[in-house]
Protein backbone atom coordinates (compact mmCIF):
# COMPACT_ATOMS: atom_id res chain seq x y z
CA MET A 1 106.41 73.41 74.95
CA ALA A 2 102.96 75.01 74.54
CA HIS A 3 103.36 75.44 70.74
CA GLU A 4 103.73 79.20 71.14
CA THR A 5 106.33 81.31 69.36
CA VAL A 6 108.91 82.66 71.81
CA ASN A 7 110.77 85.88 70.98
CA PHE A 8 114.20 86.55 72.51
CA LYS A 9 117.41 88.48 71.97
CA LEU A 10 120.64 86.66 71.08
CA VAL A 11 123.92 88.37 71.96
CA LEU A 12 126.73 87.90 69.39
CA PRO A 13 129.86 89.04 71.27
CA ALA A 14 132.24 88.42 68.35
CA ARG A 15 130.17 90.75 66.14
CA LYS A 16 129.24 93.15 68.95
CA ARG A 17 125.56 92.81 68.08
CA VAL A 18 122.25 91.80 69.55
CA VAL A 19 119.87 89.99 67.18
CA ASN A 20 116.11 89.58 67.59
CA MET A 21 115.24 85.87 67.33
CA ARG A 22 112.16 83.70 67.54
CA MET A 23 111.77 80.02 68.37
CA ASP A 24 108.97 77.63 67.41
CA ARG A 25 108.20 74.03 68.34
CA ILE A 26 108.41 72.01 65.12
CA ASP A 27 108.21 68.27 65.90
CA ASP A 28 108.35 65.44 68.42
CA THR A 29 110.99 62.73 67.95
CA THR A 30 113.28 60.27 69.72
CA ILE A 31 117.01 60.87 70.19
CA ASN A 32 119.34 58.36 71.87
CA GLY A 33 116.26 56.42 72.97
CA LYS A 34 114.76 59.46 74.74
CA SER A 35 111.62 61.38 73.84
CA ALA A 36 112.57 64.76 72.42
CA VAL A 37 110.92 67.94 71.21
CA LEU A 38 112.47 69.84 68.29
CA PHE A 39 112.53 73.64 68.20
CA ARG A 40 113.66 75.91 65.36
CA ALA A 41 115.20 79.30 66.12
CA GLN A 42 115.65 81.93 63.45
CA VAL A 43 116.27 85.63 63.00
CA ASP A 44 113.02 87.53 63.57
CA MET A 45 113.02 89.34 60.20
CA LEU A 46 111.20 87.70 57.29
CA PHE A 47 113.50 88.89 54.49
CA ILE A 48 116.70 87.87 56.31
CA ASN A 49 115.26 84.40 57.09
CA TRP A 50 115.55 83.50 53.41
CA PHE A 51 119.34 83.92 53.60
CA THR A 52 120.22 82.70 57.08
CA GLN A 53 120.53 79.19 58.43
CA LYS A 54 117.98 78.04 60.97
CA LEU A 55 119.09 76.62 64.33
CA VAL A 56 117.46 73.41 65.57
CA PHE A 57 117.45 72.36 69.22
CA ALA A 58 116.17 69.09 70.69
CA TYR A 59 115.14 69.00 74.36
CA THR A 60 113.65 66.30 76.58
CA PRO A 61 110.05 67.27 77.40
CA GLU A 62 110.31 66.19 81.05
CA ASN A 63 113.28 68.22 82.27
CA ARG A 64 114.19 70.33 79.19
CA GLN A 65 117.64 68.77 78.93
CA LEU A 66 119.44 69.66 75.67
CA LEU A 67 119.98 66.52 73.55
CA GLU A 68 120.99 67.98 70.18
CA TYR A 69 121.97 71.20 68.41
CA ARG A 70 122.04 71.66 64.62
CA GLY A 71 123.14 74.89 62.99
CA VAL A 72 126.13 77.16 62.69
CA SER A 73 129.04 77.06 65.10
CA ASN A 74 131.23 79.86 66.40
CA LEU A 75 134.22 78.29 64.60
CA GLN A 76 135.20 79.83 61.27
CA ASP A 77 137.08 78.61 58.20
CA ASP A 78 139.85 80.57 56.42
CA LYS A 79 137.23 82.70 54.64
CA GLY A 80 135.50 83.69 57.90
CA GLU A 81 132.49 81.45 57.26
CA ALA A 82 131.03 79.59 60.23
CA TYR A 83 131.15 75.79 60.12
CA PRO A 84 127.79 73.98 60.21
CA VAL A 85 127.55 71.46 63.06
CA ASN A 86 125.32 68.71 64.41
CA ILE A 87 126.10 68.14 68.09
CA ARG A 88 124.50 65.37 70.16
CA TYR A 89 124.83 65.39 73.92
CA TYR A 90 125.03 61.99 75.63
CA GLN A 91 124.34 61.25 79.26
CA GLY A 92 126.27 58.20 80.38
CA THR A 93 127.99 55.97 77.82
CA PRO A 94 127.64 57.06 74.18
CA PRO A 95 126.48 54.50 71.60
CA ALA A 96 129.08 52.21 69.98
CA SER A 97 128.73 54.16 66.72
CA VAL A 98 130.37 57.22 68.33
CA PRO A 99 134.15 57.13 67.86
CA ALA A 100 136.24 57.14 71.02
CA LEU A 101 138.25 60.25 71.83
CA PRO A 102 142.04 59.89 71.48
CA ALA A 103 143.92 59.03 74.66
CA ALA A 104 145.17 62.04 76.60
CA THR A 105 148.83 62.81 76.10
CA ALA A 106 151.10 64.32 78.69
CA CYS A 107 151.84 68.01 78.30
CA PRO A 108 155.52 68.88 78.06
CA ALA A 109 157.09 70.59 81.02
CA PRO A 110 157.21 74.38 80.72
CA VAL A 111 160.47 75.87 79.55
CA THR A 112 162.08 78.11 82.12
CA GLY A 113 165.22 80.15 82.13
């Protein structure tokens, strides 16, 4: 929150690697009617930054509650490429523009024998 670069290590279990990262405060905004602070995280190597996607996080300044994440997911397509995502976290009832989840369906009874 103090506009200082924060360095940290990110563990990538699927790739069995640890990556040096850095995070910077980039903007103030409003998300879902709440004040938010945007941070950008990226690999802490200048050359690699040109080829990798940045991660953007939005937190409330009061209690540092995560409101949004933009970046790559841990889900991959048929070619092994990670899907890009934009995830918003809602507290309480989501806005009307957010589609409702499908109704839960009963799971079939397990087959025994």
